[in-house]
């Protein structure tokens, strides 16, 4: 029973709220956020700008406005009672130009840095060098092979201004020989060799090879010329026309011509390995 009563009350309450909403006031009055009689605040940018009333700019000083003053400006409140008055013509504000800031001054050097600069030693004075320098030309060699030549050129490379190589033909002595002059035929040479043996002279050889000594009788080859002369005199004493001559051969040799400073010529001579030598030569 109680539940039915509560249910009826709820239905009646809903009907009453619906009737109030339908039959009540259809419009609501907006509540002013400010007190009555106080005019509304407006920004300067909201005011109408009259181009005809703009003030001419007469000086460049009037065009620049300090940033601090411009940033701190705020719209002032209108006086009470002036809400119904027509706003006066707005004054044109000159364009704001950014203030020119001077370049930052570099910080002063620390006292320790100034002292270090003051105590730093002065750079040494440049000693003038003489542009004139004497040079000497030397011929280094002879070298039997090109390998020896290249080795010497590498060793002397840091001491020379320039260098060149050249080849020459040289005559080398390979001892002394004693012989009997060549005969017209081989039989005559053999007959002469038999006569030597009959005189007790041994160690001979009949040359049969082609050349200027063909059909001659060789009596020996000696490195010491004194021994060669002794053998020749012995054969002459036996009645044969023995002769003595130096045995030579023509072989190629290589020379290295270098140009060195005059004060470095002694170092070049010390760096040369025997049997090569260094001798003055014409410059190139």
C-alpha atoms as a PDB file:
ATOM      1  CA  UNK A   1       0.000   0.000   0.000  1.00  0.00           C
ATOM      2  CA  UNK A   2       2.828   2.339   0.870  1.00  0.00           C
ATOM      3  CA  UNK A   3       4.599   1.601  -2.350  1.00  0.00           C
ATOM      4  CA  UNK A   4       1.490   2.526  -4.326  1.00  0.00           C
ATOM      5  CA  UNK A   5       1.266   5.813  -2.473  1.00  0.00           C
ATOM      6  CA  UNK A   6       4.884   6.664  -3.248  1.00  0.00           C
ATOM      7  CA  UNK A   7       4.369   5.808  -6.855  1.00  0.00           C
ATOM      8  CA  UNK A   8       1.353   8.130  -7.097  1.00  0.00           C
ATOM      9  CA  UNK A   9       3.311  10.959  -5.435  1.00  0.00           C
ATOM     10  CA  UNK A  10       6.161  10.609  -7.915  1.00  0.00           C
ATOM     11  CA  UNK A  11       3.777  10.766 -10.827  1.00  0.00           C
ATOM     12  CA  UNK A  12       2.133  13.863  -9.396  1.00  0.00           C
ATOM     13  CA  UNK A  13       5.493  15.519  -8.858  1.00  0.00           C
ATOM     14  CA  UNK A  14       6.536  14.870 -12.440  1.00  0.00           C
ATOM     15  CA  UNK A  15       3.264  16.325 -13.711  1.00  0.00           C
ATOM     16  CA  UNK A  16       3.770  19.451 -11.602  1.00  0.00           C
ATOM     17  CA  UNK A  17       7.320  20.029 -12.868  1.00  0.00           C
ATOM     18  CA  UNK A  18       6.211  19.580 -16.457  1.00  0.00           C
ATOM     19  CA  UNK A  19       3.364  22.040 -16.019  1.00  0.00           C
ATOM     20  CA  UNK A  20       5.720  24.622 -14.493  1.00  0.00           C
ATOM     21  CA  UNK A  21       8.117  24.320 -17.347  1.00  0.00           C
ATOM     22  CA  UNK A  22       5.363  24.678 -19.901  1.00  0.00           C
ATOM     23  CA  UNK A  23       3.369  27.419 -18.233  1.00  0.00           C
ATOM     24  CA  UNK A  24       6.167  29.367 -16.584  1.00  0.00           C
ATOM     25  CA  UNK A  25       8.116  32.400 -18.019  1.00  0.00           C
ATOM     26  CA  UNK A  26       9.266  31.743 -21.537  1.00  0.00           C
ATOM     27  CA  UNK A  27      12.217  34.213 -21.469  1.00  0.00           C
ATOM     28  CA  UNK A  28      15.043  34.768 -19.024  1.00  0.00           C
ATOM     29  CA  UNK A  29      16.800  38.044 -18.394  1.00  0.00           C
ATOM     30  CA  UNK A  30      20.578  38.029 -18.898  1.00  0.00           C
ATOM     31  CA  UNK A  31      22.471  39.136 -15.894  1.00  0.00           C
ATOM     32  CA  UNK A  32      24.916  41.919 -16.545  1.00  0.00           C
ATOM     33  CA  UNK A  33      28.417  40.926 -15.454  1.00  0.00           C
ATOM     34  CA  UNK A  34      29.123  44.478 -14.246  1.00  0.00           C
ATOM     35  CA  UNK A  35      27.335  46.965 -12.095  1.00  0.00           C
ATOM     36  CA  UNK A  36      24.664  49.110 -13.630  1.00  0.00           C
ATOM     37  CA  UNK A  37      25.804  52.581 -14.645  1.00  0.00           C
ATOM     38  CA  UNK A  38      29.416  51.532 -15.372  1.00  0.00           C
ATOM     39  CA  UNK A  39      30.376  51.828 -19.088  1.00  0.00           C
ATOM     40  CA  UNK A  40      31.930  48.935 -20.983  1.00  0.00           C
ATOM     41  CA  UNK A  41      35.724  48.766 -21.504  1.00  0.00           C
ATOM     42  CA  UNK A  42      36.995  48.939 -25.076  1.00  0.00           C
ATOM     43  CA  UNK A  43      40.509  48.513 -26.468  1.00  0.00           C
ATOM     44  CA  UNK A  44      42.162  51.170 -28.620  1.00  0.00           C
ATOM     45  CA  UNK A  45      42.237  48.739 -31.510  1.00  0.00           C
ATOM     46  CA  UNK A  46      38.412  48.436 -31.275  1.00  0.00           C
ATOM     47  CA  UNK A  47      37.893  52.197 -31.742  1.00  0.00           C
ATOM     48  CA  UNK A  48      37.221  53.404 -35.312  1.00  0.00           C
ATOM     49  CA  UNK A  49      40.252  55.100 -36.924  1.00  0.00           C
ATOM     50  CA  UNK A  50      39.644  58.313 -38.844  1.00  0.00           C
ATOM     51  CA  UNK A  51      42.335  58.661 -41.515  1.00  0.00           C
ATOM     52  CA  UNK A  52      41.556  62.342 -42.059  1.00  0.00           C
ATOM     53  CA  UNK A  53      42.430  63.226 -38.472  1.00  0.00           C
ATOM     54  CA  UNK A  54      45.854  61.510 -38.431  1.00  0.00           C
ATOM     55  CA  UNK A  55      48.573  63.784 -37.150  1.00  0.00           C
ATOM     56  CA  UNK A  56      51.578  64.302 -39.464  1.00  0.00           C
ATOM     57  CA  UNK A  57      54.909  63.085 -38.216  1.00  0.00           C
ATOM     58  CA  UNK A  58      57.261  66.058 -38.029  1.00  0.00           C
ATOM     59  CA  UNK A  59      60.423  64.466 -36.684  1.00  0.00           C
ATOM     60  CA  UNK A  60      62.163  61.142 -36.610  1.00  0.00           C
ATOM     61  CA  UNK A  61      62.162  61.212 -32.823  1.00  0.00           C
ATOM     62  CA  UNK A  62      58.401  60.986 -32.814  1.00  0.00           C
ATOM     63  CA  UNK A  63      58.538  57.745 -34.813  1.00  0.00           C
ATOM     64  CA  UNK A  64      60.540  55.773 -32.241  1.00  0.00           C
ATOM     65  CA  UNK A  65      58.872  54.547 -29.108  1.00  0.00           C
ATOM     66  CA  UNK A  66      60.758  52.839 -26.334  1.00  0.00           C
ATOM     67  CA  UNK A  67      59.935  49.133 -26.099  1.00  0.00           C
ATOM     68  CA  UNK A  68      59.428  49.350 -22.375  1.00  0.00           C
ATOM     69  CA  UNK A  69      56.892  52.181 -22.690  1.00  0.00           C
ATOM     70  CA  UNK A  70      55.031  50.463 -25.492  1.00  0.00           C
ATOM     71  CA  UNK A  71      54.906  47.162 -23.624  1.00  0.00           C
ATOM     72  CA  UNK A  72      53.669  48.712 -20.402  1.00  0.00           C
ATOM     73  CA  UNK A  73      50.824  50.785 -21.978  1.00  0.00           C
ATOM     74  CA  UNK A  74      47.347  49.543 -21.034  1.00  0.00           C
ATOM     75  CA  UNK A  75      43.866  50.850 -21.905  1.00  0.00           C
ATOM     76  CA  UNK A  76      42.515  53.220 -19.243  1.00  0.00           C
ATOM     77  CA  UNK A  77      39.014  52.974 -17.908  1.00  0.00           C
ATOM     78  CA  UNK A  78      36.463  55.433 -19.247  1.00  0.00           C
ATOM     79  CA  UNK A  79      35.087  57.918 -16.687  1.00  0.00           C
ATOM     80  CA  UNK A  80      31.824  57.111 -15.000  1.00  0.00           C
ATOM     81  CA  UNK A  81      28.865  58.755 -16.681  1.00  0.00           C
ATOM     82  CA  UNK A  82      30.408  58.873 -20.120  1.00  0.00           C
ATOM     83  CA  UNK A  83      28.786  55.663 -21.375  1.00  0.00           C
ATOM     84  CA  UNK A  84      26.226  57.487 -23.511  1.00  0.00           C
ATOM     85  CA  UNK A  85      28.701  59.989 -24.926  1.00  0.00           C
ATOM     86  CA  UNK A  86      29.954  59.597 -28.486  1.00  0.00           C
ATOM     87  CA  UNK A  87      33.631  58.581 -28.481  1.00  0.00           C
ATOM     88  CA  UNK A  88      36.023  61.216 -29.716  1.00  0.00           C
ATOM     89  CA  UNK A  89      38.015  60.719 -32.883  1.00  0.00           C
ATOM     90  CA  UNK A  90      40.922  58.428 -32.262  1.00  0.00           C
ATOM     91  CA  UNK A  91      44.414  59.868 -32.585  1.00  0.00           C
ATOM     92  CA  UNK A  92      46.544  57.968 -35.035  1.00  0.00           C
ATOM     93  CA  UNK A  93      49.522  56.446 -33.345  1.00  0.00           C
ATOM     94  CA  UNK A  94      52.824  56.559 -35.221  1.00  0.00           C
ATOM     95  CA  UNK A  95      54.329  53.247 -36.259  1.00  0.00           C
ATOM     96  CA  UNK A  96      56.587  51.733 -33.703  1.00  0.00           C
ATOM     97  CA  UNK A  97      60.120  51.078 -34.910  1.00  0.00           C
ATOM     98  CA  UNK A  98      62.365  48.627 -33.083  1.00  0.00           C
ATOM     99  CA  UNK A  99      65.012  50.283 -30.998  1.00  0.00           C
ATOM    100  CA  UNK A 100      68.532  49.950 -32.273  1.00  0.00           C
ATOM    101  CA  UNK A 101      70.677  48.099 -29.788  1.00  0.00           C
ATOM    102  CA  UNK A 102      74.458  48.647 -29.848  1.00  0.00           C
ATOM    103  CA  UNK A 103      76.736  45.698 -30.595  1.00  0.00           C
ATOM    104  CA  UNK A 104      77.693  43.782 -27.450  1.00  0.00           C
ATOM    105  CA  UNK A 105      81.000  44.830 -26.045  1.00  0.00           C
ATOM    106  CA  UNK A 106      83.438  41.895 -25.765  1.00  0.00           C
ATOM    107  CA  UNK A 107      84.307  41.036 -22.182  1.00  0.00           C
ATOM    108  CA  UNK A 108      87.493  42.460 -20.891  1.00  0.00           C
ATOM    109  CA  UNK A 109      90.438  40.116 -20.911  1.00  0.00           C
ATOM    110  CA  UNK A 110      91.212  38.469 -17.636  1.00  0.00           C
ATOM    111  CA  UNK A 111      94.185  39.896 -15.728  1.00  0.00           C
ATOM    112  CA  UNK A 112      95.929  36.519 -15.930  1.00  0.00           C
ATOM    113  CA  UNK A 113      95.634  36.438 -19.746  1.00  0.00           C
ATOM    114  CA  UNK A 114      96.961  40.008 -20.029  1.00  0.00           C
ATOM    115  CA  UNK A 115      99.905  39.105 -17.828  1.00  0.00           C
ATOM    116  CA  UNK A 116     100.653  35.966 -19.895  1.00  0.00           C
ATOM    117  CA  UNK A 117     100.641  38.021 -23.083  1.00  0.00           C
ATOM    118  CA  UNK A 118     102.915  40.630 -21.527  1.00  0.00           C
ATOM    119  CA  UNK A 119     105.363  38.013 -20.240  1.00  0.00           C
ATOM    120  CA  UNK A 120     105.449  36.004 -23.515  1.00  0.00           C
ATOM    121  CA  UNK A 121     108.895  36.137 -25.152  1.00  0.00           C
ATOM    122  CA  UNK A 122     109.183  38.111 -28.321  1.00  0.00           C
ATOM    123  CA  UNK A 123     109.565  36.009 -31.528  1.00  0.00           C
ATOM    124  CA  UNK A 124     113.167  35.637 -32.670  1.00  0.00           C
ATOM    125  CA  UNK A 125     114.269  38.028 -35.320  1.00  0.00           C
ATOM    126  CA  UNK A 126     114.529  36.538 -38.782  1.00  0.00           C
ATOM    127  CA  UNK A 127     118.140  36.154 -39.752  1.00  0.00           C
ATOM    128  CA  UNK A 128     118.612  37.188 -43.376  1.00  0.00           C
ATOM    129  CA  UNK A 129     120.183  34.482 -45.470  1.00  0.00           C
ATOM    130  CA  UNK A 130     122.446  35.175 -48.345  1.00  0.00           C
ATOM    131  CA  UNK A 131     120.896  34.478 -51.701  1.00  0.00           C
ATOM    132  CA  UNK A 132     124.298  33.726 -53.193  1.00  0.00           C
ATOM    133  CA  UNK A 133     125.701  30.253 -52.582  1.00  0.00           C
ATOM    134  CA  UNK A 134     128.612  28.623 -54.315  1.00  0.00           C
ATOM    135  CA  UNK A 135     128.326  25.176 -55.838  1.00  0.00           C
ATOM    136  CA  UNK A 136     130.766  22.543 -57.015  1.00  0.00           C
ATOM    137  CA  UNK A 137     130.456  19.890 -59.713  1.00  0.00           C
ATOM    138  CA  UNK A 138     131.918  16.439 -59.063  1.00  0.00           C
ATOM    139  CA  UNK A 139     132.211  13.246 -61.090  1.00  0.00           C
ATOM    140  CA  UNK A 140     131.629  10.203 -58.885  1.00  0.00           C
ATOM    141  CA  UNK A 141     132.805   6.808 -60.097  1.00  0.00           C
ATOM    142  CA  UNK A 142     133.602   4.797 -62.009  1.00  0.00           C
ATOM    143  CA  UNK A 143     130.999   2.109 -61.325  1.00  0.00           C
ATOM    144  CA  UNK A 144     131.331  -1.321 -62.882  1.00  0.00           C
ATOM    145  CA  UNK A 145     127.564  -1.962 -62.933  1.00  0.00           C
ATOM    146  CA  UNK A 146     124.405   0.103 -63.044  1.00  0.00           C
ATOM    147  CA  UNK A 147     123.370  -1.388 -59.710  1.00  0.00           C
ATOM    148  CA  UNK A 148     126.355   0.262 -58.046  1.00  0.00           C
ATOM    149  CA  UNK A 149     125.481   3.499 -59.820  1.00  0.00           C
ATOM    150  CA  UNK A 150     121.888   3.505 -58.524  1.00  0.00           C
ATOM    151  CA  UNK A 151     123.051   2.700 -55.003  1.00  0.00           C
ATOM    152  CA  UNK A 152     125.415   5.679 -54.994  1.00  0.00           C
ATOM    153  CA  UNK A 153     122.769   7.969 -56.481  1.00  0.00           C
ATOM    154  CA  UNK A 154     120.327   7.048 -53.708  1.00  0.00           C
ATOM    155  CA  UNK A 155     122.949   7.580 -51.003  1.00  0.00           C
ATOM    156  CA  UNK A 156     123.895  11.030 -52.330  1.00  0.00           C
ATOM    157  CA  UNK A 157     120.380  12.160 -53.236  1.00  0.00           C
ATOM    158  CA  UNK A 158     119.875  14.326 -50.126  1.00  0.00           C
ATOM    159  CA  UNK A 159     123.226  16.103 -50.578  1.00  0.00           C
ATOM    160  CA  UNK A 160     123.019  16.963 -54.272  1.00  0.00           C
ATOM    161  CA  UNK A 161     121.187  19.743 -56.079  1.00  0.00           C
ATOM    162  CA  UNK A 162     120.965  17.815 -59.350  1.00  0.00           C
ATOM    163  CA  UNK A 163     122.692  14.825 -60.910  1.00  0.00           C
ATOM    164  CA  UNK A 164     123.078  12.929 -64.147  1.00  0.00           C
ATOM    165  CA  UNK A 165     124.601   9.611 -65.225  1.00  0.00           C
ATOM    166  CA  UNK A 166     126.771   8.800 -68.201  1.00  0.00           C
ATOM    167  CA  UNK A 167     128.537   5.772 -69.662  1.00  0.00           C
ATOM    168  CA  UNK A 168     132.119   5.608 -70.844  1.00  0.00           C
ATOM    169  CA  UNK A 169     134.393   2.969 -72.335  1.00  0.00           C
ATOM    170  CA  UNK A 170     137.524   2.251 -70.369  1.00  0.00           C
ATOM    171  CA  UNK A 171     140.561   0.102 -70.991  1.00  0.00           C
ATOM    172  CA  UNK A 172     141.457  -2.181 -68.120  1.00  0.00           C
ATOM    173  CA  UNK A 173     144.750  -3.968 -67.658  1.00  0.00           C
ATOM    174  CA  UNK A 174     144.539  -7.705 -67.214  1.00  0.00           C
ATOM    175  CA  UNK A 175     148.238  -8.437 -66.825  1.00  0.00           C
ATOM    176  CA  UNK A 176     151.359  -8.676 -68.979  1.00  0.00           C
ATOM    177  CA  UNK A 177     152.105 -11.333 -71.560  1.00  0.00           C
ATOM    178  CA  UNK A 178     155.360 -12.579 -73.090  1.00  0.00           C
ATOM    179  CA  UNK A 179     155.271 -14.138 -76.568  1.00  0.00           C
ATOM    180  CA  UNK A 180     157.116 -14.794 -79.811  1.00  0.00           C
ATOM    181  CA  UNK A 181     155.866 -12.903 -82.901  1.00  0.00           C
ATOM    182  CA  UNK A 182     153.300 -14.620 -85.085  1.00  0.00           C
ATOM    183  CA  UNK A 183     154.567 -16.761 -87.960  1.00  0.00           C
ATOM    184  CA  UNK A 184     153.183 -16.861 -91.483  1.00  0.00           C
ATOM    185  CA  UNK A 185     151.836 -20.393 -91.138  1.00  0.00           C
ATOM    186  CA  UNK A 186     150.971 -22.794 -88.391  1.00  0.00           C
ATOM    187  CA  UNK A 187     153.763 -25.177 -89.392  1.00  0.00           C
ATOM    188  CA  UNK A 188     156.318 -22.397 -88.896  1.00  0.00           C
ATOM    189  CA  UNK A 189     154.892 -21.687 -85.432  1.00  0.00           C
ATOM    190  CA  UNK A 190     155.132 -25.378 -84.481  1.00  0.00           C
ATOM    191  CA  UNK A 191     158.742 -25.543 -85.721  1.00  0.00           C
ATOM    192  CA  UNK A 192     159.626 -22.522 -83.597  1.00  0.00           C
ATOM    193  CA  UNK A 193     158.042 -24.156 -80.524  1.00  0.00           C
ATOM    194  CA  UNK A 194     160.244 -27.269 -81.062  1.00  0.00           C
ATOM    195  CA  UNK A 195     163.375 -25.105 -81.107  1.00  0.00           C
ATOM    196  CA  UNK A 196     162.306 -23.527 -77.764  1.00  0.00           C
ATOM    197  CA  UNK A 197     161.948 -26.953 -76.234  1.00  0.00           C
ATOM    198  CA  UNK A 198     165.364 -27.932 -77.550  1.00  0.00           C
ATOM    199  CA  UNK A 199     166.820 -24.932 -75.665  1.00  0.00           C
ATOM    200  CA  UNK A 200     165.222 -26.091 -72.454  1.00  0.00           C
ATOM    201  CA  UNK A 201     162.446 -23.489 -72.448  1.00  0.00           C
ATOM    202  CA  UNK A 202     159.232 -24.977 -71.180  1.00  0.00           C
ATOM    203  CA  UNK A 203     155.724 -23.573 -70.632  1.00  0.00           C
ATOM    204  CA  UNK A 204     154.820 -22.334 -74.083  1.00  0.00           C
ATOM    205  CA  UNK A 205     151.633 -22.494 -76.141  1.00  0.00           C
ATOM    206  CA  UNK A 206     151.014 -22.162 -79.888  1.00  0.00           C
ATOM    207  CA  UNK A 207     148.077 -19.742 -80.518  1.00  0.00           C
ATOM    208  CA  UNK A 208     145.659 -21.012 -83.151  1.00  0.00           C
ATOM    209  CA  UNK A 209     142.692 -18.703 -82.495  1.00  0.00           C
ATOM    210  CA  UNK A 210     141.786 -16.065 -85.041  1.00  0.00           C
ATOM    211  CA  UNK A 211     143.249 -12.635 -84.399  1.00  0.00           C
ATOM    212  CA  UNK A 212     146.478 -10.682 -84.408  1.00  0.00           C
ATOM    213  CA  UNK A 213     148.213 -13.302 -82.274  1.00  0.00           C
ATOM    214  CA  UNK A 214     147.300 -16.268 -84.464  1.00  0.00           C
ATOM    215  CA  UNK A 215     150.319 -18.610 -85.133  1.00  0.00           C
ATOM    216  CA  UNK A 216     152.295 -16.969 -82.332  1.00  0.00           C
ATOM    217  CA  UNK A 217     153.931 -18.741 -79.379  1.00  0.00           C
ATOM    218  CA  UNK A 218     152.700 -17.589 -75.959  1.00  0.00           C
ATOM    219  CA  UNK A 219     155.358 -17.783 -73.227  1.00  0.00           C
ATOM    220  CA  UNK A 220     153.282 -16.768 -70.224  1.00  0.00           C
ATOM    221  CA  UNK A 221     150.858 -14.214 -68.663  1.00  0.00           C
ATOM    222  CA  UNK A 222     151.999 -12.253 -65.614  1.00  0.00           C
ATOM    223  CA  UNK A 223     150.278  -9.799 -63.300  1.00  0.00           C
ATOM    224  CA  UNK A 224     153.539  -8.324 -62.138  1.00  0.00           C
ATOM    225  CA  UNK A 225     155.419  -6.533 -64.929  1.00  0.00           C
ATOM    226  CA  UNK A 226     158.750  -7.381 -63.238  1.00  0.00           C
ATOM    227  CA  UNK A 227     158.092 -11.090 -63.635  1.00  0.00           C
ATOM    228  CA  UNK A 228     157.099 -10.531 -67.239  1.00  0.00           C
ATOM    229  CA  UNK A 229     160.407  -8.733 -67.969  1.00  0.00           C
ATOM    230  CA  UNK A 230     162.370 -11.540 -66.326  1.00  0.00           C
ATOM    231  CA  UNK A 231     160.719 -14.150 -68.549  1.00  0.00           C
ATOM    232  CA  UNK A 232     161.273 -12.059 -71.662  1.00  0.00           C
ATOM    233  CA  UNK A 233     164.992 -11.617 -70.915  1.00  0.00           C
ATOM    234  CA  UNK A 234     165.395 -15.335 -70.345  1.00  0.00           C
ATOM    235  CA  UNK A 235     163.937 -16.221 -73.761  1.00  0.00           C
ATOM    236  CA  UNK A 236     165.958 -13.500 -75.498  1.00  0.00           C
ATOM    237  CA  UNK A 237     169.114 -14.911 -73.934  1.00  0.00           C
ATOM    238  CA  UNK A 238     168.242 -18.278 -75.509  1.00  0.00           C
ATOM    239  CA  UNK A 239     168.241 -16.636 -78.963  1.00  0.00           C
ATOM    240  CA  UNK A 240     164.566 -15.976 -79.595  1.00  0.00           C
ATOM    241  CA  UNK A 241     162.944 -12.568 -80.288  1.00  0.00           C
ATOM    242  CA  UNK A 242     160.615 -12.549 -77.261  1.00  0.00           C
ATOM    243  CA  UNK A 243     158.333  -9.597 -76.706  1.00  0.00           C
ATOM    244  CA  UNK A 244     156.372  -8.226 -73.769  1.00  0.00           C
ATOM    245  CA  UNK A 245     153.008  -6.351 -73.936  1.00  0.00           C
ATOM    246  CA  UNK A 246     150.210  -5.385 -71.619  1.00  0.00           C
ATOM    247  CA  UNK A 247     146.996  -7.311 -71.928  1.00  0.00           C
ATOM    248  CA  UNK A 248     144.051  -4.876 -71.934  1.00  0.00           C
ATOM    249  CA  UNK A 249     140.304  -5.101 -72.401  1.00  0.00           C
ATOM    250  CA  UNK A 250     137.744  -2.394 -73.156  1.00  0.00           C
ATOM    251  CA  UNK A 251     134.780  -2.468 -70.802  1.00  0.00           C
ATOM    252  CA  UNK A 252     131.882  -0.037 -70.117  1.00  0.00           C
ATOM    253  CA  UNK A 253     131.808   1.952 -66.873  1.00  0.00           C
ATOM    254  CA  UNK A 254     129.286   4.429 -65.458  1.00  0.00           C
ATOM    255  CA  UNK A 255     129.828   7.841 -63.890  1.00  0.00           C
ATOM    256  CA  UNK A 256     127.540   9.984 -61.749  1.00  0.00           C
ATOM    257  CA  UNK A 257     127.925  13.740 -62.194  1.00  0.00           C
ATOM    258  CA  UNK A 258     126.519  15.745 -59.270  1.00  0.00           C
ATOM    259  CA  UNK A 259     126.135  19.407 -58.346  1.00  0.00           C
ATOM    260  CA  UNK A 260     126.574  19.986 -54.610  1.00  0.00           C
ATOM    261  CA  UNK A 261     126.947  23.053 -52.389  1.00  0.00           C
ATOM    262  CA  UNK A 262     130.567  23.994 -51.859  1.00  0.00           C
ATOM    263  CA  UNK A 263     130.320  23.409 -48.119  1.00  0.00           C
ATOM    264  CA  UNK A 264     128.892  19.884 -48.615  1.00  0.00           C
ATOM    265  CA  UNK A 265     131.549  18.526 -50.978  1.00  0.00           C
ATOM    266  CA  UNK A 266     133.475  16.901 -48.126  1.00  0.00           C
ATOM    267  CA  UNK A 267     130.333  15.081 -46.960  1.00  0.00           C
ATOM    268  CA  UNK A 268     129.847  13.741 -50.472  1.00  0.00           C
ATOM    269  CA  UNK A 269     133.386  12.370 -50.585  1.00  0.00           C
ATOM    270  CA  UNK A 270     132.934  10.652 -47.219  1.00  0.00           C
ATOM    271  CA  UNK A 271     129.705   9.012 -48.359  1.00  0.00           C
ATOM    272  CA  UNK A 272     131.315   7.419 -51.429  1.00  0.00           C
ATOM    273  CA  UNK A 273     132.340   3.798 -51.104  1.00  0.00           C
ATOM    274  CA  UNK A 274     135.624   2.577 -52.510  1.00  0.00           C
ATOM    275  CA  UNK A 275     136.805   1.971 -55.196  1.00  0.00           C
ATOM    276  CA  UNK A 276     134.696   4.873 -56.499  1.00  0.00           C
ATOM    277  CA  UNK A 277     136.144   8.365 -56.124  1.00  0.00           C
ATOM    278  CA  UNK A 278     134.957  11.951 -56.583  1.00  0.00           C
ATOM    279  CA  UNK A 279     136.866  14.316 -58.848  1.00  0.00           C
ATOM    280  CA  UNK A 280     136.081  17.824 -60.122  1.00  0.00           C
ATOM    281  CA  UNK A 281     134.328  18.015 -63.449  1.00  0.00           C
ATOM    282  CA  UNK A 282     132.617  20.573 -65.662  1.00  0.00           C
ATOM    283  CA  UNK A 283     129.265  21.840 -64.423  1.00  0.00           C
ATOM    284  CA  UNK A 284     126.107  21.128 -66.354  1.00  0.00           C
END
